[in-house]
C-alpha atoms as a PDB file:
ATOM      1  CA  MET A   1      41.257 185.735 128.640  1.00  0.00           C
ATOM      2  CA  ARG A   2      44.691 185.031 130.191  1.00  0.00           C
ATOM      3  CA  VAL A   3      43.273 185.876 133.633  1.00  0.00           C
ATOM      4  CA  PHE A   4      40.485 183.391 133.120  1.00  0.00           C
ATOM      5  CA  PHE A   5      42.888 180.575 132.257  1.00  0.00           C
ATOM      6  CA  ALA A   6      45.179 181.443 135.179  1.00  0.00           C
ATOM      7  CA  ALA A   7      42.281 181.075 137.607  1.00  0.00           C
ATOM      8  CA  ALA A   8      41.145 177.939 135.795  1.00  0.00           C
ATOM      9  CA  ALA A   9      44.529 176.190 135.810  1.00  0.00           C
ATOM     10  CA  PHE A  10      42.958 173.087 137.295  1.00  0.00           C
ATOM     11  CA  LEU A  11      41.189 172.508 133.992  1.00  0.00           C
ATOM     12  CA  VAL A  12      44.485 171.573 132.333  1.00  0.00           C
ATOM     13  CA  ALA A  13      44.409 168.181 134.062  1.00  0.00           C
ATOM     14  CA  THR A  14      40.827 167.529 132.985  1.00  0.00           C
ATOM     15  CA  CYS A  15      39.413 169.271 129.948  1.00  0.00           C
ATOM     16  CA  LEU A  16      40.889 172.717 129.412  1.00  0.00           C
ATOM     17  CA  LEU A  17      38.273 175.071 128.066  1.00  0.00           C
ATOM     18  CA  ALA A  18      38.938 176.389 124.625  1.00  0.00           C
ATOM     19  CA  GLN A  19      39.119 180.160 124.424  1.00  0.00           C
ATOM     20  CA  ASP A  20      35.736 180.436 122.713  1.00  0.00           C
ATOM     21  CA  LYS A  21      34.211 178.251 125.459  1.00  0.00           C
ATOM     22  CA  ALA A  22      35.740 180.504 128.113  1.00  0.00           C
ATOM     23  CA  GLU A  23      34.330 183.565 126.371  1.00  0.00           C
ATOM     24  CA  ASP A  24      30.882 181.957 126.235  1.00  0.00           C
ATOM     25  CA  THR A  25      31.046 181.137 129.944  1.00  0.00           C
ATOM     26  CA  LEU A  26      32.028 184.677 130.898  1.00  0.00           C
ATOM     27  CA  ALA A  27      29.365 186.177 128.642  1.00  0.00           C
ATOM     28  CA  ALA A  28      26.678 184.036 130.324  1.00  0.00           C
ATOM     29  CA  VAL A  29      27.403 185.681 133.700  1.00  0.00           C
ATOM     30  CA  ILE A  30      24.967 188.576 134.087  1.00  0.00           C
ATOM     31  CA  GLY A  31      24.886 191.481 136.527  1.00  0.00           C
ATOM     32  CA  VAL A  32      21.606 191.928 138.428  1.00  0.00           C
ATOM     33  CA  GLN A  33      20.398 195.258 139.838  1.00  0.00           C
ATOM     34  CA  ALA A  34      17.066 195.531 141.630  1.00  0.00           C
ATOM     35  CA  LYS A  35      15.206 198.531 143.013  1.00  0.00           C
ATOM     36  CA  ILE A  36      12.876 197.441 145.803  1.00  0.00           C
ATOM     37  CA  GLN A  37       9.560 198.998 146.738  1.00  0.00           C
ATOM     38  CA  SER A  38       9.923 201.538 149.534  1.00  0.00           C
ATOM     39  CA  ASN A  39       7.249 199.810 151.629  1.00  0.00           C
ATOM     40  CA  ALA A  40       8.680 196.337 151.078  1.00  0.00           C
ATOM     41  CA  ARG A  41       8.603 193.998 154.052  1.00  0.00           C
ATOM     42  CA  SER A  42      12.127 192.859 153.167  1.00  0.00           C
ATOM     43  CA  ALA A  43      13.544 196.389 152.930  1.00  0.00           C
ATOM     44  CA  GLU A  44      14.702 196.565 156.547  1.00  0.00           C
ATOM     45  CA  SER A  45      16.800 193.409 156.356  1.00  0.00           C
ATOM     46  CA  LEU A  46      17.865 193.434 152.692  1.00  0.00           C
ATOM     47  CA  GLY A  47      17.698 197.103 151.656  1.00  0.00           C
ATOM     48  CA  THR A  48      15.976 198.784 148.717  1.00  0.00           C
ATOM     49  CA  GLN A  49      18.945 198.788 146.314  1.00  0.00           C
ATOM     50  CA  ARG A  50      20.319 195.291 145.668  1.00  0.00           C
ATOM     51  CA  ARG A  51      23.125 194.152 143.393  1.00  0.00           C
ATOM     52  CA  GLY A  52      24.440 190.729 142.551  1.00  0.00           C
ATOM     53  CA  SER A  53      24.882 188.243 139.745  1.00  0.00           C
ATOM     54  CA  GLY A  54      22.965 185.727 137.707  1.00  0.00           C
ATOM     55  CA  VAL A  55      23.626 183.344 134.837  1.00  0.00           C
ATOM     56  CA  LEU A  56      21.859 182.830 131.523  1.00  0.00           C
ATOM     57  CA  ILE A  57      20.471 179.252 131.441  1.00  0.00           C
ATOM     58  CA  ARG A  58      17.868 179.531 128.671  1.00  0.00           C
ATOM     59  CA  ASP A  59      17.273 182.084 125.950  1.00  0.00           C
ATOM     60  CA  ASP A  60      16.169 185.224 127.850  1.00  0.00           C
ATOM     61  CA  TYR A  61      16.074 183.411 131.230  1.00  0.00           C
ATOM     62  CA  VAL A  62      18.591 184.293 133.963  1.00  0.00           C
ATOM     63  CA  LEU A  63      18.934 182.254 137.166  1.00  0.00           C
ATOM     64  CA  THR A  64      19.842 184.093 140.374  1.00  0.00           C
ATOM     65  CA  ILE A  65      19.280 183.933 144.114  1.00  0.00           C
ATOM     66  CA  GLY A  66      15.785 185.015 145.108  1.00  0.00           C
ATOM     67  CA  TYR A  67      16.458 187.529 147.877  1.00  0.00           C
ATOM     68  CA  LEU A  68      18.093 189.877 145.353  1.00  0.00           C
ATOM     69  CA  VAL A  69      14.745 190.538 143.675  1.00  0.00           C
ATOM     70  CA  THR A  70      12.112 189.936 146.370  1.00  0.00           C
ATOM     71  CA  GLU A  71       9.526 192.774 146.219  1.00  0.00           C
ATOM     72  CA  ALA A  72      11.317 194.485 143.328  1.00  0.00           C
ATOM     73  CA  GLU A  73       9.680 197.321 141.431  1.00  0.00           C
ATOM     74  CA  ALA A  74      12.411 197.427 138.763  1.00  0.00           C
ATOM     75  CA  ILE A  75      15.140 194.982 137.685  1.00  0.00           C
ATOM     76  CA  HIS A  76      17.965 195.544 135.234  1.00  0.00           C
ATOM     77  CA  LEU A  77      20.398 193.014 133.816  1.00  0.00           C
ATOM     78  CA  ILE A  78      23.914 193.975 132.735  1.00  0.00           C
ATOM     79  CA  GLY A  79      25.596 191.829 130.103  1.00  0.00           C
ATOM     80  CA  ALA A  80      29.303 191.189 129.686  1.00  0.00           C
ATOM     81  CA  ASP A  81      29.356 193.786 126.906  1.00  0.00           C
ATOM     82  CA  GLY A  82      28.030 196.441 129.304  1.00  0.00           C
ATOM     83  CA  ARG A  83      24.584 196.548 127.728  1.00  0.00           C
ATOM     84  CA  THR A  84      21.715 196.948 130.181  1.00  0.00           C
ATOM     85  CA  VAL A  85      18.240 195.510 129.618  1.00  0.00           C
ATOM     86  CA  PRO A  86      15.182 195.454 131.888  1.00  0.00           C
ATOM     87  CA  ALA A  87      13.849 192.197 133.273  1.00  0.00           C
ATOM     88  CA  THR A  88      10.785 190.728 134.913  1.00  0.00           C
ATOM     89  CA  ILE A  89      10.560 188.059 137.595  1.00  0.00           C
ATOM     90  CA  ALA A  90       9.463 184.905 135.807  1.00  0.00           C
ATOM     91  CA  ALA A  91       9.436 182.787 138.985  1.00  0.00           C
ATOM     92  CA  TYR A  92      10.584 182.667 142.593  1.00  0.00           C
ATOM     93  CA  ASP A  93      10.887 179.313 144.336  1.00  0.00           C
ATOM     94  CA  HIS A  94      11.061 179.787 148.103  1.00  0.00           C
ATOM     95  CA  ALA A  95      11.900 176.148 148.813  1.00  0.00           C
ATOM     96  CA  SER A  96      15.177 176.256 146.859  1.00  0.00           C
ATOM     97  CA  GLY A  97      15.794 180.003 147.058  1.00  0.00           C
ATOM     98  CA  PHE A  98      16.111 180.384 143.284  1.00  0.00           C
ATOM     99  CA  ALA A  99      14.635 183.201 141.225  1.00  0.00           C
ATOM    100  CA  LEU A 100      14.222 183.091 137.474  1.00  0.00           C
ATOM    101  CA  LEU A 101      14.353 186.404 135.609  1.00  0.00           C
ATOM    102  CA  ARG A 102      13.237 187.030 132.036  1.00  0.00           C
ATOM    103  CA  ALA A 103      15.227 189.578 130.069  1.00  0.00           C
ATOM    104  CA  VAL A 104      13.247 192.111 128.033  1.00  0.00           C
ATOM    105  CA  GLY A 105      15.840 192.372 125.292  1.00  0.00           C
ATOM    106  CA  SER A 106      18.866 190.479 124.078  1.00  0.00           C
ATOM    107  CA  LEU A 107      21.827 189.818 126.388  1.00  0.00           C
ATOM    108  CA  ASN A 108      24.128 188.809 123.499  1.00  0.00           C
ATOM    109  CA  ALA A 109      25.155 185.592 125.231  1.00  0.00           C
ATOM    110  CA  LYS A 110      24.711 181.848 124.946  1.00  0.00           C
ATOM    111  CA  PRO A 111      22.977 179.937 127.782  1.00  0.00           C
ATOM    112  CA  ILE A 112      25.218 177.859 130.014  1.00  0.00           C
ATOM    113  CA  ALA A 113      24.587 174.148 130.509  1.00  0.00           C
ATOM    114  CA  LEU A 114      23.326 172.795 133.839  1.00  0.00           C
ATOM    115  CA  GLY A 115      25.817 170.390 135.392  1.00  0.00           C
ATOM    116  CA  ASP A 116      25.566 167.565 137.906  1.00  0.00           C
ATOM    117  CA  ALA A 117      26.122 169.043 141.363  1.00  0.00           C
ATOM    118  CA  THR A 118      25.544 165.690 143.037  1.00  0.00           C
ATOM    119  CA  ALA A 119      28.871 164.533 141.593  1.00  0.00           C
ATOM    120  CA  LEU A 120      30.739 167.495 143.102  1.00  0.00           C
ATOM    121  CA  ALA A 121      32.665 166.032 146.029  1.00  0.00           C
ATOM    122  CA  GLU A 122      34.735 167.553 148.811  1.00  0.00           C
ATOM    123  CA  ARG A 123      38.176 168.875 147.779  1.00  0.00           C
ATOM    124  CA  GLU A 124      37.118 169.290 144.162  1.00  0.00           C
ATOM    125  CA  PRO A 125      37.955 172.630 142.483  1.00  0.00           C
ATOM    126  CA  ALA A 126      35.519 174.982 140.790  1.00  0.00           C
ATOM    127  CA  LEU A 127      35.280 178.606 139.673  1.00  0.00           C
ATOM    128  CA  VAL A 128      33.153 181.373 141.163  1.00  0.00           C
ATOM    129  CA  ILE A 129      32.416 184.115 138.629  1.00  0.00           C
ATOM    130  CA  PRO A 130      30.616 187.164 140.068  1.00  0.00           C
ATOM    131  CA  ALA A 131      29.473 189.685 137.462  1.00  0.00           C
ATOM    132  CA  PRO A 132      31.477 192.594 138.958  1.00  0.00           C
ATOM    133  CA  SER A 133      34.709 190.600 138.520  1.00  0.00           C
ATOM    134  CA  ARG A 134      33.858 188.217 135.684  1.00  0.00           C
ATOM    135  CA  GLU A 135      37.267 188.854 134.075  1.00  0.00           C
ATOM    136  CA  ALA A 136      39.003 187.569 137.222  1.00  0.00           C
ATOM    137  CA  PRO A 137      37.106 184.504 138.482  1.00  0.00           C
ATOM    138  CA  THR A 138      38.091 182.940 141.785  1.00  0.00           C
ATOM    139  CA  LEU A 139      39.380 179.387 142.013  1.00  0.00           C
ATOM    140  CA  VAL A 140      37.736 177.676 145.008  1.00  0.00           C
ATOM    141  CA  HIS A 141      37.580 174.197 146.469  1.00  0.00           C
ATOM    142  CA  VAL A 142      34.601 172.381 147.903  1.00  0.00           C
ATOM    143  CA  VAL A 143      35.287 171.991 151.619  1.00  0.00           C
ATOM    144  CA  SER A 144      32.032 170.304 152.630  1.00  0.00           C
ATOM    145  CA  ARG A 145      28.726 168.947 151.323  1.00  0.00           C
ATOM    146  CA  ARG A 146      26.163 168.868 154.101  1.00  0.00           C
ATOM    147  CA  PRO A 147      22.639 169.885 155.101  1.00  0.00           C
ATOM    148  CA  PHE A 148      22.006 173.547 155.778  1.00  0.00           C
ATOM    149  CA  SER A 149      19.265 175.021 157.956  1.00  0.00           C
ATOM    150  CA  GLY A 150      18.684 178.767 157.767  1.00  0.00           C
ATOM    151  CA  SER A 151      16.955 180.695 160.523  1.00  0.00           C
ATOM    152  CA  TRP A 152      14.293 181.979 158.094  1.00  0.00           C
ATOM    153  CA  GLU A 153      12.370 178.681 157.570  1.00  0.00           C
ATOM    154  CA  TYR A 154      14.770 177.437 154.900  1.00  0.00           C
ATOM    155  CA  MET A 155      16.620 174.152 154.587  1.00  0.00           C
ATOM    156  CA  LEU A 156      18.777 172.336 152.033  1.00  0.00           C
ATOM    157  CA  ASP A 157      19.597 168.627 152.205  1.00  0.00           C
ATOM    158  CA  SER A 158      23.041 169.004 150.609  1.00  0.00           C
ATOM    159  CA  ALA A 159      24.399 172.521 150.252  1.00  0.00           C
ATOM    160  CA  ILE A 160      27.788 173.220 148.651  1.00  0.00           C
ATOM    161  CA  PHE A 161      30.374 174.958 150.855  1.00  0.00           C
ATOM    162  CA  THR A 162      33.536 176.398 149.280  1.00  0.00           C
ATOM    163  CA  TYR A 163      36.804 178.084 150.281  1.00  0.00           C
ATOM    164  CA  PRO A 164      38.234 180.732 150.031  1.00  0.00           C
ATOM    165  CA  PRO A 165      35.354 183.161 150.615  1.00  0.00           C
ATOM    166  CA  VAL A 166      34.235 185.315 147.685  1.00  0.00           C
ATOM    167  CA  ALA A 167      32.963 188.791 148.518  1.00  0.00           C
ATOM    168  CA  ASP A 168      30.436 189.178 145.663  1.00  0.00           C
ATOM    169  CA  TRP A 169      28.632 185.913 146.359  1.00  0.00           C
ATOM    170  CA  SER A 170      24.971 186.879 145.828  1.00  0.00           C
ATOM    171  CA  GLY A 171      23.723 184.992 142.784  1.00  0.00           C
ATOM    172  CA  ALA A 172      27.264 184.228 141.580  1.00  0.00           C
ATOM    173  CA  PRO A 173      27.527 181.038 139.496  1.00  0.00           C
ATOM    174  CA  LEU A 174      29.706 178.123 140.600  1.00  0.00           C
ATOM    175  CA  ILE A 175      31.282 176.702 137.448  1.00  0.00           C
ATOM    176  CA  GLY A 176      32.663 173.189 137.055  1.00  0.00           C
ATOM    177  CA  ALA A 177      35.580 171.808 135.058  1.00  0.00           C
ATOM    178  CA  LYS A 178      33.522 171.433 131.868  1.00  0.00           C
ATOM    179  CA  GLY A 179      32.170 174.959 132.017  1.00  0.00           C
ATOM    180  CA  GLU A 180      28.826 173.788 133.411  1.00  0.00           C
ATOM    181  CA  LEU A 181      26.727 175.467 136.098  1.00  0.00           C
ATOM    182  CA  LEU A 182      26.836 173.654 139.461  1.00  0.00           C
ATOM    183  CA  GLY A 183      25.362 176.136 141.931  1.00  0.00           C
ATOM    184  CA  ILE A 184      24.238 179.676 142.720  1.00  0.00           C
ATOM    185  CA  GLY A 185      25.811 181.743 145.498  1.00  0.00           C
ATOM    186  CA  SER A 186      23.615 182.340 148.525  1.00  0.00           C
ATOM    187  CA  LEU A 187      25.679 183.224 151.606  1.00  0.00           C
ATOM    188  CA  ILE A 188      29.052 183.922 153.129  1.00  0.00           C
ATOM    189  CA  VAL A 189      29.475 181.727 156.211  1.00  0.00           C
ATOM    190  CA  PRO A 190      31.997 181.513 159.081  1.00  0.00           C
ATOM    191  CA  ASP A 191      32.090 177.690 159.184  1.00  0.00           C
ATOM    192  CA  ALA A 192      32.283 176.396 155.607  1.00  0.00           C
ATOM    193  CA  GLY A 193      34.537 173.479 156.584  1.00  0.00           C
ATOM    194  CA  ALA A 194      32.251 172.099 159.277  1.00  0.00           C
ATOM    195  CA  PRO A 195      29.750 173.385 161.853  1.00  0.00           C
ATOM    196  CA  GLY A 196      31.457 175.212 164.707  1.00  0.00           C
ATOM    197  CA  THR A 197      34.774 175.648 162.894  1.00  0.00           C
ATOM    198  CA  GLN A 198      36.516 178.914 162.090  1.00  0.00           C
ATOM    199  CA  SER A 199      36.646 178.405 158.324  1.00  0.00           C
ATOM    200  CA  PRO A 200      35.005 181.261 156.386  1.00  0.00           C
ATOM    201  CA  GLY A 201      33.644 180.477 152.947  1.00  0.00           C
ATOM    202  CA  ASN A 202      30.521 180.544 150.822  1.00  0.00           C
ATOM    203  CA  MET A 203      27.376 178.463 150.579  1.00  0.00           C
ATOM    204  CA  PHE A 204      25.968 177.622 147.137  1.00  0.00           C
ATOM    205  CA  VAL A 205      22.525 176.238 146.299  1.00  0.00           C
ATOM    206  CA  PRO A 206      23.021 173.143 144.077  1.00  0.00           C
ATOM    207  CA  VAL A 207      21.653 173.530 140.559  1.00  0.00           C
ATOM    208  CA  ASP A 208      20.186 170.007 140.796  1.00  0.00           C
ATOM    209  CA  LEU A 209      17.326 171.511 142.793  1.00  0.00           C
ATOM    210  CA  LEU A 210      16.362 173.524 139.721  1.00  0.00           C
ATOM    211  CA  LYS A 211      16.206 170.713 137.182  1.00  0.00           C
ATOM    212  CA  PRO A 212      12.949 169.013 138.311  1.00  0.00           C
ATOM    213  CA  ILE A 213      11.076 172.322 138.588  1.00  0.00           C
ATOM    214  CA  LEU A 214      12.521 174.438 135.758  1.00  0.00           C
ATOM    215  CA  GLU A 215       9.737 173.746 133.269  1.00  0.00           C
ATOM    216  CA  ASP A 216       7.132 174.456 135.969  1.00  0.00           C
ATOM    217  CA  LEU A 217       8.810 177.764 136.807  1.00  0.00           C
ATOM    218  CA  ILE A 218       8.886 178.836 133.170  1.00  0.00           C
ATOM    219  CA  ALA A 219       5.298 177.754 132.493  1.00  0.00           C
ATOM    220  CA  ASP A 220       3.571 178.769 135.727  1.00  0.00           C
ATOM    221  CA  GLY A 221       5.964 180.937 137.751  1.00  0.00           C
ATOM    222  CA  ARG A 222       6.102 178.356 140.537  1.00  0.00           C
ATOM    223  CA  ARG A 223       6.636 174.650 141.155  1.00  0.00           C
ATOM    224  CA  ARG A 224       3.648 172.343 140.957  1.00  0.00           C
ATOM    225  CA  GLY A 225       1.934 171.066 144.078  1.00  0.00           C
ATOM    226  CA  PRO A 226       0.948 172.710 147.358  1.00  0.00           C
ATOM    227  CA  ALA A 227       3.176 175.407 148.791  1.00  0.00           C
ATOM    228  CA  ARG A 228       4.992 174.751 152.049  1.00  0.00           C
ATOM    229  CA  PRO A 229       3.375 176.185 155.178  1.00  0.00           C
ATOM    230  CA  TRP A 230       5.163 179.314 156.379  1.00  0.00           C
ATOM    231  CA  LEU A 231       4.891 180.832 159.862  1.00  0.00           C
ATOM    232  CA  GLY A 232       7.126 183.904 159.771  1.00  0.00           C
ATOM    233  CA  VAL A 233       9.508 182.703 162.496  1.00  0.00           C
ATOM    234  CA  ASN A 234      13.264 183.224 162.667  1.00  0.00           C
ATOM    235  CA  ALA A 235      14.868 180.873 165.153  1.00  0.00           C
ATOM    236  CA  ASP A 236      18.373 179.947 166.326  1.00  0.00           C
ATOM    237  CA  GLU A 237      19.816 176.821 167.914  1.00  0.00           C
ATOM    238  CA  LEU A 238      21.571 177.578 171.195  1.00  0.00           C
ATOM    239  CA  ARG A 239      22.685 175.194 173.958  1.00  0.00           C
ATOM    240  CA  GLY A 240      20.285 172.477 172.839  1.00  0.00           C
ATOM    241  CA  HIS A 241      17.284 174.809 172.629  1.00  0.00           C
ATOM    242  CA  LEU A 242      15.471 176.572 169.815  1.00  0.00           C
ATOM    243  CA  PHE A 243      15.122 180.309 170.499  1.00  0.00           C
ATOM    244  CA  VAL A 244      12.813 182.585 168.503  1.00  0.00           C
ATOM    245  CA  SER A 245      15.023 185.498 167.419  1.00  0.00           C
ATOM    246  CA  ARG A 246      12.404 187.341 165.372  1.00  0.00           C
ATOM    247  CA  VAL A 247       8.844 187.090 164.142  1.00  0.00           C
ATOM    248  CA  SER A 248       7.828 188.701 160.864  1.00  0.00           C
ATOM    249  CA  PRO A 249       5.646 191.779 161.521  1.00  0.00           C
ATOM    250  CA  GLU A 250       1.975 190.998 160.863  1.00  0.00           C
ATOM    251  CA  GLY A 251       2.947 187.431 159.939  1.00  0.00           C
ATOM    252  CA  PRO A 252       1.175 184.269 161.092  1.00  0.00           C
ATOM    253  CA  ALA A 253       3.407 183.678 164.120  1.00  0.00           C
ATOM    254  CA  GLU A 254       3.069 187.227 165.409  1.00  0.00           C
ATOM    255  CA  ARG A 255      -0.708 187.115 164.989  1.00  0.00           C
ATOM    256  CA  ALA A 256      -0.788 183.875 166.985  1.00  0.00           C
ATOM    257  CA  GLY A 257       1.134 185.450 169.866  1.00  0.00           C
ATOM    258  CA  LEU A 258       4.706 184.221 169.334  1.00  0.00           C
ATOM    259  CA  ARG A 259       7.443 186.727 170.063  1.00  0.00           C
ATOM    260  CA  ALA A 260      11.202 187.099 170.108  1.00  0.00           C
ATOM    261  CA  GLY A 261      12.756 185.354 173.118  1.00  0.00           C
ATOM    262  CA  ASP A 262      10.301 182.450 173.140  1.00  0.00           C
ATOM    263  CA  ILE A 263      11.769 178.946 173.312  1.00  0.00           C
ATOM    264  CA  VAL A 264      10.135 176.453 170.956  1.00  0.00           C
ATOM    265  CA  VAL A 265       9.591 173.181 172.812  1.00  0.00           C
ATOM    266  CA  ALA A 266       7.405 171.081 170.522  1.00  0.00           C
ATOM    267  CA  VAL A 267       5.448 171.032 167.258  1.00  0.00           C
ATOM    268  CA  SER A 268       2.351 168.841 166.991  1.00  0.00           C
ATOM    269  CA  GLY A 269       3.239 167.421 170.392  1.00  0.00           C
ATOM    270  CA  GLU A 270       6.700 166.262 169.266  1.00  0.00           C
ATOM    271  CA  HIS A 271       9.802 167.700 170.915  1.00  0.00           C
ATOM    272  CA  VAL A 272      12.108 169.834 168.741  1.00  0.00           C
ATOM    273  CA  SER A 273      15.557 171.215 169.569  1.00  0.00           C
ATOM    274  CA  THR A 274      17.031 171.873 166.109  1.00  0.00           C
ATOM    275  CA  LEU A 275      15.948 173.901 163.088  1.00  0.00           C
ATOM    276  CA  ALA A 276      15.819 170.747 160.971  1.00  0.00           C
ATOM    277  CA  GLU A 277      13.406 169.084 163.424  1.00  0.00           C
ATOM    278  CA  PHE A 278      11.343 172.273 163.623  1.00  0.00           C
ATOM    279  CA  TYR A 279      10.958 172.581 159.845  1.00  0.00           C
ATOM    280  CA  ARG A 280      10.236 168.911 159.235  1.00  0.00           C
ATOM    281  CA  ARG A 281       7.469 168.975 161.834  1.00  0.00           C
ATOM    282  CA  ILE A 282       5.928 172.103 160.276  1.00  0.00           C
ATOM    283  CA  TRP A 283       6.190 170.964 156.659  1.00  0.00           C
ATOM    284  CA  GLY A 284       4.950 167.512 157.595  1.00  0.00           C
ATOM    285  CA  ARG A 285       1.592 168.997 158.623  1.00  0.00           C
ATOM    286  CA  GLY A 286       0.546 169.560 154.999  1.00  0.00           C
ATOM    287  CA  GLY A 287       0.377 172.476 152.593  1.00  0.00           C
ATOM    288  CA  ALA A 288       0.150 176.201 153.267  1.00  0.00           C
ATOM    289  CA  GLY A 289      -2.987 177.090 155.218  1.00  0.00           C
ATOM    290  CA  VAL A 290      -2.704 174.229 157.700  1.00  0.00           C
ATOM    291  CA  ASP A 291      -2.791 174.989 161.441  1.00  0.00           C
ATOM    292  CA  VAL A 292       0.487 174.278 163.207  1.00  0.00           C
ATOM    293  CA  PRO A 293       0.266 173.616 166.991  1.00  0.00           C
ATOM    294  CA  ILE A 294       3.399 174.851 168.747  1.00  0.00           C
ATOM    295  CA  ARG A 295       4.386 174.607 172.402  1.00  0.00           C
ATOM    296  CA  VAL A 296       6.597 177.496 173.532  1.00  0.00           C
ATOM    297  CA  LEU A 297       8.140 178.670 176.760  1.00  0.00           C
ATOM    298  CA  GLN A 298       7.415 182.384 177.250  1.00  0.00           C
ATOM    299  CA  GLY A 299       9.338 183.477 180.308  1.00  0.00           C
ATOM    300  CA  ALA A 300       8.320 180.952 182.958  1.00  0.00           C
ATOM    301  CA  GLN A 301       5.015 180.075 181.274  1.00  0.00           C
ATOM    302  CA  LEU A 302       4.509 177.110 178.971  1.00  0.00           C
ATOM    303  CA  ARG A 303       1.983 177.969 176.244  1.00  0.00           C
ATOM    304  CA  GLU A 304       0.206 176.046 173.489  1.00  0.00           C
ATOM    305  CA  VAL A 305      -0.174 178.206 170.375  1.00  0.00           C
ATOM    306  CA  SER A 306      -1.900 177.362 167.095  1.00  0.00           C
ATOM    307  CA  VAL A 307      -0.428 179.172 164.092  1.00  0.00           C
ATOM    308  CA  ARG A 308      -2.424 179.327 160.858  1.00  0.00           C
ATOM    309  CA  SER A 309       0.263 179.001 158.180  1.00  0.00           C
ATOM    310  CA  ILE A 310       0.314 180.756 154.812  1.00  0.00           C
ATOM    311  CA  ASP A 311       2.171 180.551 151.515  1.00  0.00           C
ATOM    312  CA  ARG A 312       5.285 182.657 152.044  1.00  0.00           C
ATOM    313  CA  VAL A 313       4.847 184.415 148.699  1.00  0.00           C
ATOM    314  CA  ASP A 314       1.566 185.886 149.965  1.00  0.00           C
ATOM    315  CA  TYR A 315       3.376 187.709 152.780  1.00  0.00           C
ATOM    316  CA  PHE A 316       5.630 189.868 150.596  1.00  0.00           C
ATOM    317  CA  ARG A 317       4.428 192.824 148.549  1.00  0.00           C
ATOM    318  CA  ALA A 318       3.553 191.748 145.034  1.00  0.00           C
ATOM    319  CA  SER A 319       6.496 192.616 142.795  1.00  0.00           C
ATOM    320  CA  LYS A 320       5.693 195.238 140.184  1.00  0.00           C
ATOM    321  CA  THR A 321       7.825 193.311 137.720  1.00  0.00           C
ATOM    322  CA  TYR A 322       5.628 190.201 137.585  1.00  0.00           C
END
């Protein structure tokens, strides 16, 4: 435990964790191993053998980042005591990126409390505890709180960016001064400090996004209400334009005629030049299944394309662990 307290020295000035509290926190960090179906649509980009971390938040329920277990045919959880138990996917929320796993067997750990990530300000310290190095957590500082737009039709209003970068970030819990869970590791980024800067770090999904939907996820495997429309478009912002970098094979956008290299000009007749504008226009059309009119520049030709959206979960191969 001495290593834990060395990394958590900042707690001395606030509320130093007692040794039993530190042990409980470490024990709640769970290793996640997933074997993905060989024909998975996500296999090319994410591989068929995935490893990361998660954290026990309810009896038998482990929170992690969703891409670790998308299209899994087998999932195993590894506790702090080295014991391995199988798990099923209880829920996957594409809007937040969270996945909830249910252990089929005891993990010999106490659930960790959910903290208040909205109160986590820039320059504040926290701990990152990946399962592979749970005995040597990394002390990090929040370097920015800002919106994040991912190229894969994903957006957060207030992501948590930390420094220094942690290598085993996938699903790793971000722990606050009181031993509470504040976020789940999603990415390593080159510009944690601010867009366009050379400041490598990590991006965490705030745990506050889980709180309003947790009971829905446990009860129904998804949040209530209509699913967001999904097109299967990866796009990048470049020189004030929105370039299509990839379309998902056999996805809605590809079927409608969009292709890599297109420049998105407008959605529903409204000009877009950023990912945030693009997503808000799409999601503002209604739930999954709505038609999304998109104007694109293909070479020298301006085209009007109507894309029939779907629920993103329907695109991926059904996980054999559901």
